[in-house]
Amino acid sequence: MARRLQIDWQEDEQTLYKLYRQEKDVQNRTRLHALWLLRTGRPMTEVAPLVGVHYRTLQEWVAWYRQGGIQEVLSHRHGGHGGRERRLSPEQEAELVAKAEAGEMRTIWDGVRWAREAHGVKYTYWGMRRVFARLGLRKKVPRPKSPKTSAAEQAAWKKGGSPSNCARWAPVGAGVCIGQMKCGSVSSAKPGGCGLHVG
């Protein structure tokens, strides 16, 4: 049998329970929940899985409590240490976005070159790629366009029909749109007709 946990509690059971129930921050709430359960007399081996942490994590929380009470336990934050400091300032990032939107920066390599030449900041391709992703910058490419396109055919199509369809599908001598059929041809029946009335 494990020996009983020895802690000089500064709060009674009801106070810990009240603090646990009122806490909005998830990380702090979990820690207060664990402390309250320990205060009720439950062993650490039972409390750790109940609150969803490893036994060693719970030991660390107890050590913090012994050092400085609840304030010490809640002062330690898990994660969110800020990571590395950004190489480009917010103003420089805004300048990068403006240049990209103006079309002056078309590739990630352009961004690498710009950062080095304009601000003396060195980036690798992958580092600048992460900057582009964080800022929501994407390569803007035009929609693919067939070399066979004709502006006249596209304009005719937007107006309700295509002269090339009539020429392709209409039998020789047919010339009038009949209801839902293009140019009187049964094989090319499409809703709306072609809009051309040749008579």
N, C-alpha and C. Protein backbone atom coordinates (compact mmCIF):
# COMPACT_ATOMS: atom_id res chain seq x y z
N MET A 1 0.84 -1.18 0.00
CA MET A 1 0.00 0.00 0.00
C MET A 1 0.89 1.25 0.00
N ALA A 2 0.50 2.24 -0.82
CA ALA A 2 1.26 3.49 -0.92
C ALA A 2 1.06 4.33 0.33
N ARG A 3 2.11 5.06 0.68
CA ARG A 3 1.98 5.91 1.87
C ARG A 3 1.10 7.12 1.55
N ARG A 4 0.51 7.64 2.56
CA ARG A 4 -0.43 8.76 2.42
C ARG A 4 0.32 10.03 2.01
N LEU A 5 -0.31 10.81 1.11
CA LEU A 5 0.27 12.04 0.59
C LEU A 5 0.31 13.10 1.69
N GLN A 6 1.48 13.68 1.92
CA GLN A 6 1.65 14.69 2.96
C GLN A 6 1.78 16.07 2.31
N ILE A 7 0.74 16.89 2.46
CA ILE A 7 0.75 18.26 1.95
C ILE A 7 0.24 19.17 3.05
N ASP A 8 0.92 20.29 3.26
CA ASP A 8 0.43 21.30 4.20
C ASP A 8 -0.56 22.18 3.43
N TRP A 9 -1.84 21.83 3.50
CA TRP A 9 -2.87 22.54 2.74
C TRP A 9 -3.11 23.92 3.32
N GLN A 10 -3.20 24.90 2.45
CA GLN A 10 -3.50 26.27 2.85
C GLN A 10 -4.99 26.56 2.73
N GLU A 11 -5.71 25.73 1.98
CA GLU A 11 -7.15 25.91 1.76
C GLU A 11 -7.88 24.67 2.24
N ASP A 12 -9.12 24.87 2.65
CA ASP A 12 -9.92 23.70 3.01
C ASP A 12 -10.57 23.12 1.75
N GLU A 13 -11.22 22.00 1.91
CA GLU A 13 -11.82 21.27 0.79
C GLU A 13 -12.87 22.11 0.05
N GLN A 14 -13.74 22.81 0.78
CA GLN A 14 -14.80 23.61 0.16
C GLN A 14 -14.23 24.78 -0.64
N THR A 15 -13.18 25.41 -0.14
CA THR A 15 -12.56 26.53 -0.85
C THR A 15 -11.97 26.06 -2.17
N LEU A 16 -11.26 24.93 -2.14
CA LEU A 16 -10.68 24.39 -3.38
C LEU A 16 -11.77 24.02 -4.38
N TYR A 17 -12.86 23.42 -3.86
CA TYR A 17 -13.96 23.05 -4.75
C TYR A 17 -14.57 24.30 -5.40
N LYS A 18 -14.77 25.34 -4.60
CA LYS A 18 -15.35 26.58 -5.10
C LYS A 18 -14.44 27.22 -6.16
N LEU A 19 -13.12 27.26 -5.89
CA LEU A 19 -12.17 27.80 -6.87
C LEU A 19 -12.18 26.99 -8.17
N TYR A 20 -12.23 25.67 -8.03
CA TYR A 20 -12.27 24.79 -9.20
C TYR A 20 -13.52 25.05 -10.03
N ARG A 21 -14.67 25.16 -9.40
CA ARG A 21 -15.93 25.34 -10.14
C ARG A 21 -16.03 26.72 -10.78
N GLN A 22 -15.40 27.74 -10.22
CA GLN A 22 -15.49 29.10 -10.74
C GLN A 22 -14.46 29.39 -11.83
N GLU A 23 -13.43 28.58 -11.93
CA GLU A 23 -12.34 28.84 -12.89
C GLU A 23 -12.82 28.65 -14.32
N LYS A 24 -12.52 29.63 -15.18
CA LYS A 24 -12.92 29.58 -16.59
C LYS A 24 -11.82 29.01 -17.48
N ASP A 25 -10.55 29.27 -17.12
CA ASP A 25 -9.43 28.80 -17.92
C ASP A 25 -9.31 27.28 -17.77
N VAL A 26 -9.28 26.56 -18.89
CA VAL A 26 -9.30 25.09 -18.87
C VAL A 26 -8.07 24.53 -18.17
N GLN A 27 -6.91 25.08 -18.47
CA GLN A 27 -5.67 24.58 -17.87
C GLN A 27 -5.69 24.75 -16.35
N ASN A 28 -6.07 25.91 -15.89
CA ASN A 28 -6.13 26.17 -14.45
C ASN A 28 -7.24 25.35 -13.79
N ARG A 29 -8.35 25.20 -14.47
CA ARG A 29 -9.47 24.43 -13.93
C ARG A 29 -9.06 22.98 -13.68
N THR A 30 -8.31 22.40 -14.62
CA THR A 30 -7.86 21.02 -14.47
C THR A 30 -6.94 20.89 -13.25
N ARG A 31 -6.06 21.84 -13.07
CA ARG A 31 -5.14 21.80 -11.93
C ARG A 31 -5.88 21.95 -10.61
N LEU A 32 -6.84 22.87 -10.58
CA LEU A 32 -7.63 23.06 -9.35
C LEU A 32 -8.49 21.83 -9.06
N HIS A 33 -9.00 21.20 -10.10
CA HIS A 33 -9.78 19.98 -9.94
C HIS A 33 -8.92 18.90 -9.28
N ALA A 34 -7.69 18.75 -9.78
CA ALA A 34 -6.78 17.75 -9.23
C ALA A 34 -6.47 18.05 -7.76
N LEU A 35 -6.19 19.31 -7.46
CA LEU A 35 -5.89 19.68 -6.07
C LEU A 35 -7.08 19.41 -5.16
N TRP A 36 -8.28 19.71 -5.63
CA TRP A 36 -9.47 19.46 -4.81
C TRP A 36 -9.64 17.96 -4.55
N LEU A 37 -9.44 17.15 -5.61
CA LEU A 37 -9.57 15.69 -5.43
C LEU A 37 -8.52 15.16 -4.46
N LEU A 38 -7.30 15.69 -4.54
CA LEU A 38 -6.26 15.29 -3.59
C LEU A 38 -6.63 15.71 -2.17
N ARG A 39 -7.23 16.89 -2.06
CA ARG A 39 -7.63 17.42 -0.74
C ARG A 39 -8.71 16.56 -0.11
N THR A 40 -9.53 15.92 -0.94
CA THR A 40 -10.59 15.04 -0.41
C THR A 40 -10.03 13.72 0.08
N GLY A 41 -8.73 13.48 -0.19
CA GLY A 41 -8.10 12.26 0.32
C GLY A 41 -7.87 11.19 -0.72
N ARG A 42 -8.17 11.47 -1.95
CA ARG A 42 -7.94 10.46 -3.00
C ARG A 42 -6.44 10.36 -3.29
N PRO A 43 -5.97 9.17 -3.63
CA PRO A 43 -4.54 9.02 -3.95
C PRO A 43 -4.20 9.57 -5.33
N MET A 44 -2.92 9.91 -5.51
CA MET A 44 -2.48 10.48 -6.79
C MET A 44 -2.70 9.50 -7.94
N THR A 45 -2.55 8.21 -7.68
CA THR A 45 -2.74 7.21 -8.75
C THR A 45 -4.18 7.20 -9.25
N GLU A 46 -5.11 7.62 -8.43
CA GLU A 46 -6.52 7.69 -8.83
C GLU A 46 -6.85 9.04 -9.46
N VAL A 47 -6.26 10.11 -8.93
CA VAL A 47 -6.57 11.47 -9.39
C VAL A 47 -6.04 11.74 -10.79
N ALA A 48 -4.82 11.30 -11.07
CA ALA A 48 -4.20 11.58 -12.38
C ALA A 48 -5.08 11.14 -13.55
N PRO A 49 -5.55 9.88 -13.60
CA PRO A 49 -6.42 9.52 -14.73
C PRO A 49 -7.79 10.22 -14.70
N LEU A 50 -8.26 10.57 -13.52
CA LEU A 50 -9.56 11.26 -13.43
C LEU A 50 -9.52 12.62 -14.11
N VAL A 51 -8.42 13.34 -13.95
CA VAL A 51 -8.32 14.68 -14.55
C VAL A 51 -7.65 14.63 -15.92
N GLY A 52 -7.17 13.44 -16.33
CA GLY A 52 -6.63 13.29 -17.68
C GLY A 52 -5.19 13.72 -17.85
N VAL A 53 -4.38 13.55 -16.80
CA VAL A 53 -2.96 13.89 -16.92
C VAL A 53 -2.12 12.70 -16.48
N HIS A 54 -0.84 12.75 -16.79
CA HIS A 54 0.08 11.70 -16.38
C HIS A 54 0.40 11.87 -14.89
N TYR A 55 0.75 10.76 -14.27
CA TYR A 55 1.09 10.77 -12.86
C TYR A 55 2.22 11.75 -12.56
N ARG A 56 3.23 11.80 -13.44
CA ARG A 56 4.38 12.70 -13.24
C ARG A 56 3.95 14.17 -13.30
N THR A 57 2.98 14.48 -14.15
CA THR A 57 2.46 15.85 -14.23
C THR A 57 1.81 16.24 -12.92
N LEU A 58 1.03 15.33 -12.36
CA LEU A 58 0.38 15.59 -11.08
C LEU A 58 1.42 15.78 -9.97
N GLN A 59 2.49 14.99 -10.01
CA GLN A 59 3.57 15.16 -9.04
C GLN A 59 4.18 16.56 -9.14
N GLU A 60 4.33 17.03 -10.38
CA GLU A 60 4.88 18.37 -10.59
C GLU A 60 3.96 19.44 -10.01
N TRP A 61 2.64 19.28 -10.19
CA TRP A 61 1.69 20.25 -9.64
C TRP A 61 1.75 20.27 -8.11
N VAL A 62 1.87 19.09 -7.52
CA VAL A 62 1.96 19.00 -6.06
C VAL A 62 3.25 19.69 -5.58
N ALA A 63 4.35 19.49 -6.31
CA ALA A 63 5.61 20.15 -5.94
C ALA A 63 5.45 21.67 -6.02
N TRP A 64 4.78 22.14 -7.04
CA TRP A 64 4.54 23.59 -7.16
C TRP A 64 3.69 24.09 -6.00
N TYR A 65 2.66 23.31 -5.63
CA TYR A 65 1.79 23.71 -4.53
C TYR A 65 2.60 23.81 -3.23
N ARG A 66 3.48 22.86 -3.03
CA ARG A 66 4.32 22.88 -1.82
C ARG A 66 5.24 24.10 -1.80
N GLN A 67 5.67 24.55 -2.97
CA GLN A 67 6.57 25.71 -3.05
C GLN A 67 5.85 27.02 -2.77
N GLY A 68 4.64 27.19 -3.33
CA GLY A 68 4.01 28.50 -3.21
C GLY A 68 2.49 28.50 -3.23
N GLY A 69 1.88 27.38 -2.97
CA GLY A 69 0.43 27.33 -2.92
C GLY A 69 -0.23 27.39 -4.29
N ILE A 70 -1.49 27.76 -4.30
CA ILE A 70 -2.27 27.80 -5.54
C ILE A 70 -1.67 28.79 -6.53
N GLN A 71 -1.21 29.92 -6.04
CA GLN A 71 -0.65 30.93 -6.94
C GLN A 71 0.51 30.36 -7.76
N GLU A 72 1.34 29.57 -7.12
CA GLU A 72 2.48 28.96 -7.81
C GLU A 72 2.00 27.95 -8.86
N VAL A 73 1.01 27.17 -8.52
CA VAL A 73 0.47 26.17 -9.46
C VAL A 73 -0.12 26.85 -10.68
N LEU A 74 -0.85 27.93 -10.47
CA LEU A 74 -1.53 28.61 -11.58
C LEU A 74 -0.60 29.52 -12.38
N SER A 75 0.57 29.84 -11.82
CA SER A 75 1.47 30.74 -12.54
C SER A 75 2.23 30.04 -13.67
N HIS A 76 2.33 28.75 -13.61
CA HIS A 76 3.03 28.00 -14.67
C HIS A 76 2.05 27.76 -15.82
N ARG A 77 2.47 28.15 -17.02
CA ARG A 77 1.62 27.96 -18.20
C ARG A 77 2.23 26.88 -19.08
N HIS A 78 1.40 26.00 -19.56
CA HIS A 78 1.85 24.93 -20.46
C HIS A 78 1.74 25.41 -21.89
N GLY A 79 2.83 25.30 -22.65
CA GLY A 79 2.80 25.68 -24.06
C GLY A 79 2.63 27.18 -24.22
N GLY A 80 2.50 27.61 -25.47
CA GLY A 80 2.27 29.01 -25.76
C GLY A 80 3.40 29.91 -25.31
N HIS A 81 4.64 29.44 -25.44
CA HIS A 81 5.78 30.23 -25.01
C HIS A 81 6.15 31.30 -26.02
N GLY A 82 5.39 31.41 -27.08
CA GLY A 82 5.64 32.46 -28.06
C GLY A 82 6.50 32.02 -29.23
N GLY A 83 7.24 30.93 -29.06
CA GLY A 83 8.09 30.48 -30.16
C GLY A 83 9.18 31.47 -30.48
N ARG A 84 9.69 31.36 -31.68
CA ARG A 84 10.74 32.28 -32.11
C ARG A 84 10.17 33.65 -32.40
N GLU A 85 11.03 34.63 -32.25
CA GLU A 85 10.64 35.99 -32.60
C GLU A 85 10.62 36.10 -34.12
N ARG A 86 9.66 36.79 -34.66
CA ARG A 86 9.57 36.93 -36.11
C ARG A 86 10.72 37.78 -36.63
N ARG A 87 11.22 37.38 -37.79
CA ARG A 87 12.34 38.12 -38.38
C ARG A 87 11.88 39.43 -39.00
N LEU A 88 10.68 39.42 -39.57
CA LEU A 88 10.13 40.64 -40.17
C LEU A 88 9.19 41.30 -39.18
N SER A 89 9.26 42.60 -39.07
CA SER A 89 8.35 43.33 -38.18
C SER A 89 6.96 43.35 -38.80
N PRO A 90 5.93 43.68 -38.03
CA PRO A 90 4.58 43.77 -38.60
C PRO A 90 4.49 44.76 -39.76
N GLU A 91 5.25 45.85 -39.69
CA GLU A 91 5.25 46.83 -40.79
C GLU A 91 5.87 46.22 -42.05
N GLN A 92 6.95 45.46 -41.87
CA GLN A 92 7.59 44.82 -43.01
C GLN A 92 6.69 43.74 -43.62
N GLU A 93 5.98 43.02 -42.76
CA GLU A 93 5.04 42.01 -43.27
C GLU A 93 3.91 42.68 -44.04
N ALA A 94 3.43 43.83 -43.55
CA ALA A 94 2.39 44.57 -44.28
C ALA A 94 2.91 45.03 -45.63
N GLU A 95 4.18 45.44 -45.67
CA GLU A 95 4.80 45.85 -46.93
C GLU A 95 4.89 44.66 -47.89
N LEU A 96 5.22 43.49 -47.36
CA LEU A 96 5.29 42.27 -48.16
C LEU A 96 3.93 41.94 -48.77
N VAL A 97 2.88 42.05 -47.96
CA VAL A 97 1.52 41.78 -48.45
C VAL A 97 1.14 42.78 -49.53
N ALA A 98 1.44 44.05 -49.32
CA ALA A 98 1.11 45.08 -50.31
C ALA A 98 1.83 44.83 -51.63
N LYS A 99 3.10 44.45 -51.55
CA LYS A 99 3.86 44.18 -52.77
C LYS A 99 3.31 42.95 -53.49
N ALA A 100 2.91 41.95 -52.74
CA ALA A 100 2.35 40.74 -53.35
C ALA A 100 1.01 41.05 -54.02
N GLU A 101 0.18 41.86 -53.37
CA GLU A 101 -1.11 42.22 -53.95
C GLU A 101 -0.95 43.11 -55.17
N ALA A 102 0.12 43.90 -55.21
CA ALA A 102 0.37 44.76 -56.36
C ALA A 102 1.00 43.99 -57.52
N GLY A 103 1.35 42.72 -57.28
CA GLY A 103 1.93 41.91 -58.33
C GLY A 103 3.43 42.02 -58.45
N GLU A 104 4.07 42.72 -57.52
CA GLU A 104 5.53 42.87 -57.55
C GLU A 104 6.24 41.63 -57.02
N MET A 105 5.53 40.83 -56.25
CA MET A 105 6.10 39.64 -55.66
C MET A 105 5.30 38.44 -56.15
N ARG A 106 5.84 37.68 -57.10
CA ARG A 106 5.09 36.59 -57.72
C ARG A 106 5.43 35.22 -57.16
N THR A 107 6.64 35.05 -56.64
CA THR A 107 7.06 33.74 -56.14
C THR A 107 7.63 33.88 -54.74
N ILE A 108 7.81 32.75 -54.11
CA ILE A 108 8.42 32.73 -52.78
C ILE A 108 9.86 33.20 -52.87
N TRP A 109 10.54 32.83 -53.96
CA TRP A 109 11.92 33.29 -54.14
C TRP A 109 11.98 34.81 -54.25
N ASP A 110 10.96 35.42 -54.84
CA ASP A 110 10.91 36.89 -54.88
C ASP A 110 10.84 37.45 -53.46
N GLY A 111 10.08 36.77 -52.59
CA GLY A 111 9.98 37.18 -51.20
C GLY A 111 11.30 37.05 -50.47
N VAL A 112 12.02 35.94 -50.72
CA VAL A 112 13.33 35.73 -50.11
C VAL A 112 14.29 36.84 -50.53
N ARG A 113 14.30 37.13 -51.83
CA ARG A 113 15.18 38.16 -52.38
C ARG A 113 14.84 39.53 -51.80
N TRP A 114 13.54 39.85 -51.75
CA TRP A 114 13.09 41.14 -51.23
C TRP A 114 13.50 41.32 -49.76
N ALA A 115 13.28 40.28 -48.94
CA ALA A 115 13.63 40.39 -47.52
C ALA A 115 15.12 40.62 -47.33
N ARG A 116 15.94 39.95 -48.15
CA ARG A 116 17.39 40.09 -48.03
C ARG A 116 17.85 41.48 -48.50
N GLU A 117 17.34 41.91 -49.66
CA GLU A 117 17.81 43.16 -50.25
C GLU A 117 17.22 44.40 -49.56
N ALA A 118 15.94 44.36 -49.24
CA ALA A 118 15.28 45.54 -48.67
C ALA A 118 15.52 45.69 -47.17
N HIS A 119 15.62 44.56 -46.45
CA HIS A 119 15.68 44.65 -44.99
C HIS A 119 16.86 43.91 -44.38
N GLY A 120 17.67 43.26 -45.20
CA GLY A 120 18.83 42.54 -44.67
C GLY A 120 18.47 41.33 -43.84
N VAL A 121 17.28 40.75 -44.09
CA VAL A 121 16.82 39.59 -43.34
C VAL A 121 16.96 38.35 -44.22
N LYS A 122 17.67 37.34 -43.71
CA LYS A 122 17.89 36.12 -44.49
C LYS A 122 16.78 35.11 -44.21
N TYR A 123 16.22 34.58 -45.28
CA TYR A 123 15.22 33.53 -45.21
C TYR A 123 15.61 32.41 -46.16
N THR A 124 15.26 31.18 -45.79
CA THR A 124 15.35 30.08 -46.73
C THR A 124 14.04 30.04 -47.51
N TYR A 125 13.98 29.22 -48.53
CA TYR A 125 12.74 29.07 -49.30
C TYR A 125 11.61 28.63 -48.37
N TRP A 126 11.89 27.61 -47.54
CA TRP A 126 10.83 27.06 -46.68
C TRP A 126 10.43 28.03 -45.58
N GLY A 127 11.37 28.82 -45.09
CA GLY A 127 11.03 29.83 -44.09
C GLY A 127 10.10 30.88 -44.67
N MET A 128 10.41 31.36 -45.88
CA MET A 128 9.54 32.35 -46.52
C MET A 128 8.21 31.73 -46.90
N ARG A 129 8.22 30.45 -47.23
CA ARG A 129 6.96 29.78 -47.57
C ARG A 129 6.03 29.78 -46.35
N ARG A 130 6.59 29.56 -45.17
CA ARG A 130 5.77 29.62 -43.95
C ARG A 130 5.23 31.03 -43.72
N VAL A 131 6.05 32.04 -44.01
CA VAL A 131 5.60 33.44 -43.87
C VAL A 131 4.44 33.69 -44.84
N PHE A 132 4.59 33.25 -46.08
CA PHE A 132 3.53 33.42 -47.08
C PHE A 132 2.24 32.73 -46.61
N ALA A 133 2.37 31.51 -46.09
CA ALA A 133 1.19 30.76 -45.63
C ALA A 133 0.52 31.48 -44.46
N ARG A 134 1.32 31.96 -43.50
CA ARG A 134 0.76 32.66 -42.35
C ARG A 134 0.04 33.94 -42.75
N LEU A 135 0.58 34.64 -43.76
CA LEU A 135 -0.02 35.89 -44.21
C LEU A 135 -1.13 35.67 -45.23
N GLY A 136 -1.36 34.41 -45.63
CA GLY A 136 -2.43 34.11 -46.59
C GLY A 136 -2.08 34.49 -48.01
N LEU A 137 -0.79 34.52 -48.34
CA LEU A 137 -0.37 34.87 -49.70
C LEU A 137 -0.28 33.60 -50.53
N ARG A 138 -0.92 33.63 -51.69
CA ARG A 138 -0.89 32.48 -52.58
C ARG A 138 -0.51 32.93 -53.97
N LYS A 139 0.08 32.03 -54.69
CA LYS A 139 0.47 32.33 -56.06
C LYS A 139 -0.80 32.55 -56.88
N LYS A 140 -0.87 33.69 -57.53
CA LYS A 140 -2.04 34.00 -58.34
C LYS A 140 -1.70 33.71 -59.79
N VAL A 141 -2.43 32.77 -60.35
CA VAL A 141 -2.20 32.41 -61.75
C VAL A 141 -3.50 32.59 -62.51
N PRO A 142 -3.41 32.99 -63.78
CA PRO A 142 -4.64 33.15 -64.55
C PRO A 142 -5.27 31.79 -64.85
N ARG A 143 -6.56 31.82 -65.07
CA ARG A 143 -7.27 30.60 -65.44
C ARG A 143 -6.73 30.11 -66.77
N PRO A 144 -6.58 28.80 -66.93
CA PRO A 144 -6.06 28.29 -68.19
C PRO A 144 -6.95 28.69 -69.37
N LYS A 145 -6.33 29.00 -70.48
CA LYS A 145 -7.07 29.46 -71.65
C LYS A 145 -6.59 28.66 -72.87
N SER A 146 -7.51 28.12 -73.61
CA SER A 146 -7.17 27.34 -74.79
C SER A 146 -6.64 28.26 -75.89
N PRO A 147 -5.64 27.81 -76.63
CA PRO A 147 -5.13 28.64 -77.74
C PRO A 147 -6.13 28.73 -78.90
N LYS A 148 -7.16 27.88 -78.90
CA LYS A 148 -8.14 27.88 -79.98
C LYS A 148 -9.33 28.80 -79.71
N THR A 149 -9.31 29.55 -78.60
CA THR A 149 -10.47 30.37 -78.25
C THR A 149 -10.66 31.52 -79.23
N SER A 150 -11.92 31.90 -79.35
CA SER A 150 -12.28 33.01 -80.23
C SER A 150 -13.17 33.96 -79.43
N ALA A 151 -12.80 35.22 -79.41
CA ALA A 151 -13.59 36.22 -78.68
C ALA A 151 -14.99 36.33 -79.24
N ALA A 152 -15.16 36.21 -80.56
CA ALA A 152 -16.48 36.30 -81.18
C ALA A 152 -17.37 35.15 -80.75
N GLU A 153 -16.82 33.93 -80.71
CA GLU A 153 -17.61 32.78 -80.28
C GLU A 153 -18.00 32.90 -78.81
N GLN A 154 -17.09 33.40 -77.97
CA GLN A 154 -17.41 33.56 -76.56
C GLN A 154 -18.50 34.60 -76.35
N ALA A 155 -18.45 35.69 -77.10
CA ALA A 155 -19.49 36.72 -77.00
C ALA A 155 -20.83 36.16 -77.44
N ALA A 156 -20.84 35.37 -78.52
CA ALA A 156 -22.09 34.77 -79.00
C ALA A 156 -22.64 33.79 -77.98
N TRP A 157 -21.77 33.04 -77.34
CA TRP A 157 -22.21 32.06 -76.35
C TRP A 157 -22.85 32.77 -75.15
N LYS A 158 -22.28 33.90 -74.72
CA LYS A 158 -22.83 34.65 -73.60
C LYS A 158 -24.20 35.22 -73.92
N LYS A 159 -24.47 35.46 -75.21
CA LYS A 159 -25.76 36.02 -75.61
C LYS A 159 -26.81 34.93 -75.81
N GLY A 160 -26.44 33.68 -75.64
CA GLY A 160 -27.46 32.63 -75.71
C GLY A 160 -27.20 31.57 -76.75
N GLY A 161 -26.13 31.59 -77.43
CA GLY A 161 -25.87 30.54 -78.40
C GLY A 161 -24.49 30.67 -78.98
N SER A 162 -24.14 29.74 -79.80
CA SER A 162 -22.81 29.74 -80.40
C SER A 162 -22.93 29.44 -81.88
N PRO A 163 -22.44 30.31 -82.75
CA PRO A 163 -22.51 30.05 -84.18
C PRO A 163 -21.76 28.79 -84.56
N SER A 164 -20.71 28.45 -83.86
CA SER A 164 -19.97 27.25 -84.22
C SER A 164 -20.79 26.00 -83.94
N ASN A 165 -21.64 26.03 -82.89
CA ASN A 165 -22.50 24.87 -82.63
C ASN A 165 -23.50 24.69 -83.75
N CYS A 166 -24.05 25.78 -84.24
CA CYS A 166 -25.02 25.68 -85.33
C CYS A 166 -24.34 25.10 -86.56
N ALA A 167 -23.15 25.58 -86.84
CA ALA A 167 -22.44 25.10 -88.02
C ALA A 167 -22.07 23.63 -87.85
N ARG A 168 -21.76 23.23 -86.66
CA ARG A 168 -21.33 21.86 -86.43
C ARG A 168 -22.49 20.88 -86.47
N TRP A 169 -23.64 21.26 -85.87
CA TRP A 169 -24.71 20.30 -85.68
C TRP A 169 -25.86 20.43 -86.68
N ALA A 170 -26.01 21.54 -87.27
CA ALA A 170 -27.19 21.73 -88.13
C ALA A 170 -26.99 21.04 -89.48
N PRO A 171 -28.01 20.31 -89.92
CA PRO A 171 -27.92 19.72 -91.25
C PRO A 171 -28.00 20.81 -92.31
N VAL A 172 -27.46 20.53 -93.44
CA VAL A 172 -27.48 21.50 -94.53
C VAL A 172 -28.92 21.82 -94.87
N GLY A 173 -29.25 23.06 -95.03
CA GLY A 173 -30.60 23.48 -95.39
C GLY A 173 -31.46 23.82 -94.19
N ALA A 174 -31.08 23.33 -92.98
CA ALA A 174 -31.87 23.66 -91.79
C ALA A 174 -31.50 25.07 -91.39
N GLY A 175 -32.47 25.83 -90.93
CA GLY A 175 -32.11 27.19 -90.64
C GLY A 175 -32.92 27.86 -89.58
N VAL A 176 -33.90 27.25 -88.99
CA VAL A 176 -34.74 27.94 -88.02
C VAL A 176 -34.73 27.17 -86.71
N CYS A 177 -34.59 27.91 -85.61
CA CYS A 177 -34.66 27.27 -84.29
C CYS A 177 -36.11 26.92 -84.01
N ILE A 178 -36.36 25.69 -83.64
CA ILE A 178 -37.72 25.25 -83.34
C ILE A 178 -37.77 24.86 -81.87
N GLY A 179 -38.40 25.68 -81.06
CA GLY A 179 -38.57 25.40 -79.64
C GLY A 179 -37.25 25.16 -78.92
N GLN A 180 -37.09 23.94 -78.40
CA GLN A 180 -35.91 23.59 -77.62
C GLN A 180 -34.77 23.06 -78.48
N MET A 181 -34.95 23.00 -79.80
CA MET A 181 -33.91 22.41 -80.64
C MET A 181 -33.08 23.50 -81.31
N LYS A 182 -31.80 23.21 -81.46
CA LYS A 182 -30.91 24.15 -82.12
C LYS A 182 -31.01 23.94 -83.62
N CYS A 183 -31.32 24.98 -84.31
CA CYS A 183 -31.30 24.99 -85.77
C CYS A 183 -32.12 23.87 -86.38
N GLY A 184 -33.13 23.40 -85.68
CA GLY A 184 -33.99 22.37 -86.23
C GLY A 184 -33.37 20.99 -86.22
N SER A 185 -32.21 20.83 -85.64
CA SER A 185 -31.54 19.54 -85.64
C SER A 185 -31.91 18.77 -84.39
N VAL A 186 -32.43 17.56 -84.54
CA VAL A 186 -32.84 16.74 -83.41
C VAL A 186 -31.63 16.29 -82.61
N SER A 187 -30.53 16.00 -83.28
CA SER A 187 -29.35 15.48 -82.59
C SER A 187 -28.68 16.53 -81.71
N SER A 188 -28.96 17.78 -81.95
CA SER A 188 -28.30 18.82 -81.16
C SER A 188 -29.27 19.57 -80.26
N ALA A 189 -30.35 18.90 -79.86
CA ALA A 189 -31.35 19.57 -79.03
C ALA A 189 -30.78 19.93 -77.67
N LYS A 190 -30.80 21.21 -77.37
CA LYS A 190 -30.38 21.72 -76.07
C LYS A 190 -31.36 22.80 -75.66
N PRO A 191 -31.63 22.93 -74.38
CA PRO A 191 -32.58 23.96 -73.94
C PRO A 191 -32.11 25.35 -74.32
N GLY A 192 -33.03 26.15 -74.75
CA GLY A 192 -32.74 27.55 -75.02
C GLY A 192 -32.51 27.88 -76.47
N GLY A 193 -32.20 26.93 -77.29
CA GLY A 193 -31.91 27.22 -78.70
C GLY A 193 -30.62 27.98 -78.85
N CYS A 194 -30.19 28.22 -80.07
CA CYS A 194 -28.90 28.87 -80.29
C CYS A 194 -29.04 30.38 -80.42
N GLY A 195 -30.23 30.89 -80.61
CA GLY A 195 -30.41 32.33 -80.72
C GLY A 195 -30.20 32.85 -82.13
N LEU A 196 -29.82 31.99 -83.03
CA LEU A 196 -29.61 32.42 -84.42
C LEU A 196 -30.79 31.97 -85.27
N HIS A 197 -31.34 32.85 -86.04
CA HIS A 197 -32.47 32.51 -86.91
C HIS A 197 -32.06 32.81 -88.34
N VAL A 198 -31.68 31.78 -88.99
CA VAL A 198 -31.26 31.93 -90.38
C VAL A 198 -32.42 31.52 -91.26
N GLY A 199 -32.79 32.30 -92.17
CA GLY A 199 -33.97 31.95 -92.92
C GLY A 199 -33.76 32.09 -94.33
